[in-house]
Protein backbone atom coordinates (compact mmCIF):
# COMPACT_ATOMS: atom_id res chain seq x y z
CA MET A 1 -0.11 -0.08 0.10
CA PRO A 2 1.43 3.38 -0.40
CA THR A 3 2.08 5.95 2.47
CA PHE A 4 1.91 9.28 3.47
CA GLN A 5 2.64 11.56 6.62
CA SER A 6 0.33 13.04 8.59
CA GLY A 7 2.96 14.55 11.90
CA GLU A 8 5.35 11.66 12.76
CA LEU A 9 3.03 8.70 11.81
CA THR A 10 3.16 7.07 8.32
CA LEU A 11 -0.18 6.11 7.72
CA SER A 12 -1.63 3.84 4.76
CA TYR A 13 -3.77 4.24 2.17
CA GLU A 14 -4.71 2.94 -1.42
CA VAL A 15 -6.99 4.49 -4.17
CA PHE A 16 -9.39 2.90 -7.04
CA GLY A 17 -11.39 4.27 -9.84
CA LYS A 18 -11.64 7.85 -10.71
CA GLY A 19 -14.22 10.26 -10.59
CA LEU A 20 -15.77 12.27 -7.66
CA PRO A 21 -13.66 11.50 -4.29
CA VAL A 22 -15.16 9.56 -1.55
CA LEU A 23 -12.94 9.43 1.55
CA CYS A 24 -13.96 6.02 3.32
CA ILE A 25 -12.59 5.92 7.45
CA HIS A 26 -13.46 2.23 8.91
CA GLY A 27 -14.15 1.64 12.37
CA PHE A 28 -12.46 0.17 15.36
CA ALA A 29 -10.26 -3.07 15.57
CA SER A 30 -10.57 -2.64 11.69
CA SER A 31 -8.62 -1.68 8.45
CA GLY A 32 -9.41 -0.45 4.68
CA LYS A 33 -9.59 -3.64 3.73
CA VAL A 34 -11.86 -5.40 5.99
CA ASN A 35 -14.06 -2.33 6.03
CA TRP A 36 -14.46 -0.98 2.94
CA ILE A 37 -12.87 -3.75 0.43
CA GLU A 38 -14.19 -6.67 1.97
CA THR A 39 -17.73 -5.69 2.21
CA GLY A 40 -18.18 -4.73 -1.30
CA TRP A 41 -18.23 -1.02 -0.52
CA VAL A 42 -14.97 -0.41 -3.00
CA GLU A 43 -16.68 -2.07 -5.38
CA THR A 44 -20.12 -0.45 -5.17
CA LEU A 45 -18.70 3.00 -5.39
CA THR A 46 -16.10 2.44 -8.31
CA ASP A 47 -19.21 1.18 -10.23
CA ALA A 48 -21.06 4.31 -9.45
CA GLY A 49 -18.49 6.07 -11.16
CA TYR A 50 -16.48 7.24 -8.30
CA GLN A 51 -13.36 7.18 -6.68
CA ALA A 52 -12.96 5.26 -3.64
CA ILE A 53 -10.04 6.27 -1.21
CA VAL A 54 -9.31 3.93 1.16
CA LEU A 55 -7.18 4.94 4.94
CA ASP A 56 -5.64 2.65 7.72
CA ASN A 57 -6.20 4.89 10.95
CA ARG A 58 -3.44 5.63 13.18
CA GLY A 59 -2.95 1.69 15.21
CA HIS A 60 -5.13 0.00 12.23
CA GLY A 61 -4.04 -2.01 9.39
CA GLN A 62 -0.35 -1.53 7.81
CA SER A 63 -0.13 2.33 9.62
CA ASP A 64 1.66 3.04 12.35
CA LYS A 65 0.51 1.45 15.67
CA PRO A 66 1.77 3.91 18.80
CA HIS A 67 0.78 2.80 22.24
CA ASP A 68 -0.14 6.02 23.54
CA PRO A 69 -3.60 7.33 24.32
CA ASP A 70 -2.57 10.59 23.75
CA ASP A 71 -2.22 9.96 19.90
CA TYR A 72 -5.88 9.04 19.34
CA TYR A 73 -8.27 11.93 20.01
CA PRO A 74 -10.68 12.11 17.78
CA SER A 75 -9.57 15.07 16.44
CA ASP A 76 -6.05 13.84 15.44
CA MET A 77 -7.29 11.15 13.62
CA ALA A 78 -9.42 13.72 11.41
CA ARG A 79 -6.55 15.84 10.86
CA ASP A 80 -4.85 12.68 9.14
CA ALA A 81 -8.07 12.45 7.13
CA VAL A 82 -7.09 15.97 5.75
CA ALA A 83 -3.48 15.50 5.86
CA LEU A 84 -4.66 12.09 2.92
CA LEU A 85 -6.38 14.66 1.00
CA ASN A 86 -3.40 17.02 1.15
CA HIS A 87 -1.37 14.38 -0.07
CA LEU A 88 -3.80 13.47 -2.77
CA GLU A 89 -4.09 17.14 -3.43
CA ILE A 90 -7.52 16.78 -3.03
CA LYS A 91 -9.72 20.15 -2.03
CA ARG A 92 -12.93 18.74 -1.22
CA ALA A 93 -14.42 15.30 -0.76
CA ALA A 94 -17.16 13.34 0.45
CA VAL A 95 -16.48 11.25 3.61
CA LEU A 96 -17.85 7.98 4.17
CA GLY A 97 -17.12 6.63 8.27
CA TYR A 98 -18.50 3.57 9.88
CA SER A 99 -18.53 3.47 13.74
CA MET A 100 -15.11 4.59 14.63
CA GLY A 101 -14.56 6.21 11.65
CA ALA A 102 -17.99 8.22 11.88
CA ARG A 103 -16.82 10.12 14.67
CA ILE A 104 -14.25 10.91 13.31
CA ALA A 105 -15.97 12.21 10.09
CA ALA A 106 -18.06 14.59 12.31
CA PHE A 107 -14.87 15.86 14.02
CA MET A 108 -13.64 16.45 10.18
CA ALA A 109 -16.74 18.09 9.10
CA PHE A 110 -17.05 20.21 12.00
CA GLU A 111 -13.32 21.21 11.94
CA HIS A 112 -12.44 20.98 9.06
CA GLU A 113 -15.46 22.06 7.05
CA ALA A 114 -14.39 23.48 3.77
CA ARG A 115 -12.67 19.92 2.80
CA VAL A 116 -15.75 18.10 3.21
CA ALA A 117 -18.70 18.15 0.38
CA CYS A 118 -20.77 15.69 2.90
CA ALA A 119 -20.62 13.02 5.23
CA ILE A 120 -22.00 9.53 5.74
CA PHE A 121 -22.08 8.63 9.74
CA GLY A 122 -22.58 5.04 9.33
CA GLY A 123 -22.88 3.30 12.63
CA MET A 124 -23.73 6.30 14.66
CA GLY A 125 -26.07 7.88 16.10
CA MET A 126 -26.64 9.25 19.69
CA ASN A 127 -23.60 8.20 20.99
CA LEU A 128 -21.15 10.19 19.02
CA ILE A 129 -22.81 13.11 21.95
CA ASN A 130 -23.29 10.50 24.85
CA GLY A 131 -20.06 8.62 24.00
CA LEU A 132 -19.46 4.52 24.50
CA SER A 133 -20.64 3.13 27.47
CA ASP A 134 -18.76 -0.55 26.39
CA GLY A 135 -15.19 1.35 26.00
CA ASN A 136 -14.00 -0.02 29.61
CA ASP A 137 -14.77 -3.70 28.86
CA ILE A 138 -13.40 -3.46 25.54
CA ILE A 139 -10.31 -2.16 26.85
CA ALA A 140 -9.95 -4.74 29.33
CA GLY A 141 -11.00 -7.35 26.91
CA LEU A 142 -7.85 -6.33 24.51
CA ARG A 143 -5.55 -6.14 27.68
CA ALA A 144 -6.96 -9.91 29.06
CA PRO A 145 -4.32 -13.14 28.98
CA SER A 146 -6.83 -14.55 27.00
CA LEU A 147 -10.57 -14.84 25.57
CA GLU A 148 -11.66 -17.26 27.82
CA SER A 149 -11.48 -15.36 30.63
CA LEU A 150 -14.08 -12.99 28.78
CA THR A 151 -17.30 -12.93 29.56
CA HIS A 152 -18.70 -9.60 28.60
CA PRO A 153 -19.98 -10.23 25.13
CA THR A 154 -19.06 -6.77 23.84
CA ALA A 155 -15.50 -7.63 24.94
CA ARG A 156 -15.24 -11.06 23.74
CA GLN A 157 -16.71 -9.68 20.17
CA PHE A 158 -13.94 -7.12 20.22
CA ARG A 159 -11.11 -9.25 21.36
CA ILE A 160 -12.35 -12.09 18.54
CA PHE A 161 -11.88 -9.81 15.77
CA ALA A 162 -9.17 -8.08 16.99
CA ASP A 163 -7.71 -11.59 16.77
CA HIS A 164 -9.00 -12.32 13.89
CA THR A 165 -7.43 -8.83 11.82
CA GLY A 166 -3.70 -9.43 13.80
CA SER A 167 -4.44 -6.38 15.24
CA ASP A 168 -1.86 -4.83 17.43
CA ARG A 169 -3.85 -5.36 20.47
CA GLU A 170 -1.88 -2.71 22.87
CA ALA A 171 -1.76 0.25 20.42
CA LEU A 172 -6.43 -0.75 19.55
CA ALA A 173 -6.15 -0.64 23.75
CA ALA A 174 -4.72 3.20 23.54
CA CYS A 175 -6.78 4.16 21.03
CA MET A 176 -10.20 3.16 22.39
CA GLU A 177 -9.28 5.22 26.02
CA THR A 178 -9.57 8.36 23.38
CA SER A 179 -10.85 8.04 20.23
CA ARG A 180 -14.27 7.62 21.69
CA GLN A 181 -14.41 11.16 23.62
CA PRO A 182 -17.79 12.47 22.77
CA MET A 183 -18.72 15.31 20.34
CA ALA A 184 -20.24 18.66 22.26
CA ARG A 185 -23.87 18.94 21.36
CA ALA A 186 -23.07 22.42 20.64
CA ASP A 187 -20.26 21.15 18.12
CA VAL A 188 -22.96 19.03 16.35
CA ARG A 189 -25.71 21.73 16.16
CA ARG A 190 -22.86 23.71 13.74
CA ILE A 191 -21.71 20.59 11.26
CA GLY A 192 -22.83 22.77 8.29
CA VAL A 193 -22.81 19.79 5.48
CA PRO A 194 -25.20 17.20 4.32
CA VAL A 195 -25.27 14.42 6.62
CA LEU A 196 -26.72 10.75 6.08
CA VAL A 197 -26.82 9.20 9.61
CA ALA A 198 -27.03 5.64 8.69
CA VAL A 199 -27.74 2.43 12.32
CA GLY A 200 -28.68 -0.80 12.08
CA GLU A 201 -32.83 -1.49 13.49
CA ALA A 202 -31.17 -4.07 16.16
CA ASP A 203 -27.67 -1.67 16.60
CA ASP A 204 -27.45 -1.21 20.22
CA MET A 205 -24.06 0.37 20.34
CA ALA A 206 -24.83 3.29 18.33
CA GLY A 207 -27.38 5.00 19.61
CA SER A 208 -30.73 6.30 17.84
CA PRO A 209 -30.06 7.82 14.51
CA GLU A 210 -33.02 10.01 14.45
CA PRO A 211 -32.13 12.42 17.27
CA LEU A 212 -28.62 12.86 16.04
CA ALA A 213 -29.93 13.96 13.06
CA ALA A 214 -32.76 16.22 13.98
CA LEU A 215 -29.12 18.25 15.44
CA ILE A 216 -27.36 18.82 12.47
CA PRO A 217 -29.11 21.35 10.55
CA ARG A 218 -28.65 19.33 6.98
CA ALA A 219 -29.37 15.63 8.54
CA GLU A 220 -31.34 13.37 7.78
CA ALA A 221 -31.71 9.56 9.33
CA LEU A 222 -31.64 5.92 7.80
CA VAL A 223 -32.81 3.05 10.13
CA ILE A 224 -31.13 0.35 8.36
CA PRO A 225 -33.52 -2.94 8.47
CA LYS A 226 -32.63 -6.26 10.68
CA ARG A 227 -29.25 -4.93 10.87
CA ASP A 228 -26.92 -5.26 14.09
CA HIS A 229 -23.54 -3.04 14.25
CA MET A 230 -21.25 -5.98 12.60
CA ARG A 231 -23.93 -6.47 10.17
CA ALA A 232 -24.73 -3.53 8.98
CA THR A 233 -21.76 -2.72 7.50
CA GLY A 234 -21.80 -3.82 4.05
CA ASP A 235 -25.65 -3.78 3.65
CA LYS A 236 -27.74 -3.21 -0.03
CA VAL A 237 -30.27 -1.30 2.20
CA PHE A 238 -27.46 1.32 3.31
CA LYS A 239 -25.19 0.68 -0.09
CA ALA A 240 -27.60 1.77 -2.35
CA ALA A 241 -28.99 4.95 0.46
CA ALA A 242 -25.08 6.29 0.20
CA LEU A 243 -25.58 6.12 -3.22
CA GLU A 244 -28.69 7.96 -3.37
CA PHE A 245 -27.33 10.35 -0.77
CA LEU A 246 -24.15 10.94 -2.85
CA GLY A 247 -26.25 11.22 -6.12
CA ARG A 248 -28.40 14.56 -4.11
CA THR A 249 -25.77 16.17 -2.36
CA PHE A 250 -22.58 15.68 -4.49
CA GLY A 251 -23.03 14.61 -7.43
CA SER A 252 -23.13 11.65 -9.72
CA GLY A 253 -20.03 9.65 -9.78
CA GLY A 254 -17.76 10.56 -12.93
CA SER A 255 -19.40 14.49 -12.60
CA ALA A 256 -17.42 17.55 -11.85
């Protein structure tokens, strides 16, 4: 994978297709490959005429993996995304984030609004503001000597996922400490770009999408039928709604 610099960190990315750029920011313990390529998102976007830009967040995939929690605040990770746009000489892109990636996208839309044409917050509803209640259990699960000792269902889920992807569990534990920083309600109200808030009907991690969308002046909510947090990621209803939203707020794939 090609790389770019964001401060002192070397981060990895890939670019697929041509057309209007869509920056894809993956969720916690995932990677660009797992979150966007293996779920068919890259194919969906490129087939529609968009350019899909897939980033490995710090601490994930093939990017650098610091073990200091102070390196993982959402504002820092949003600056990574802007640094990638700078590296690619892209002035403005649509941003598609899932879970932690949606939190990063929200901070990016608020703090770097000129670089964001529109944003899709997948797997992130009111917990953008309320925070993640299971965070400490996930951290304990990542640092536990073995999976067998874990009883908390969310901790087990993320430990299994981290082991499956061969992740640096100490980097992920550091990331979980600070990347879940809530966004201030007043700042959420000041997000000025069009936003699609998309959450699975059975998602018990994201929080409700409708009240979050009601706070953002140009937002709309989507409930993804019969999907939980993990299974909503590559859902066909989510993809279809995202393409329709991009067409209305950003332009058709391949257009200037």
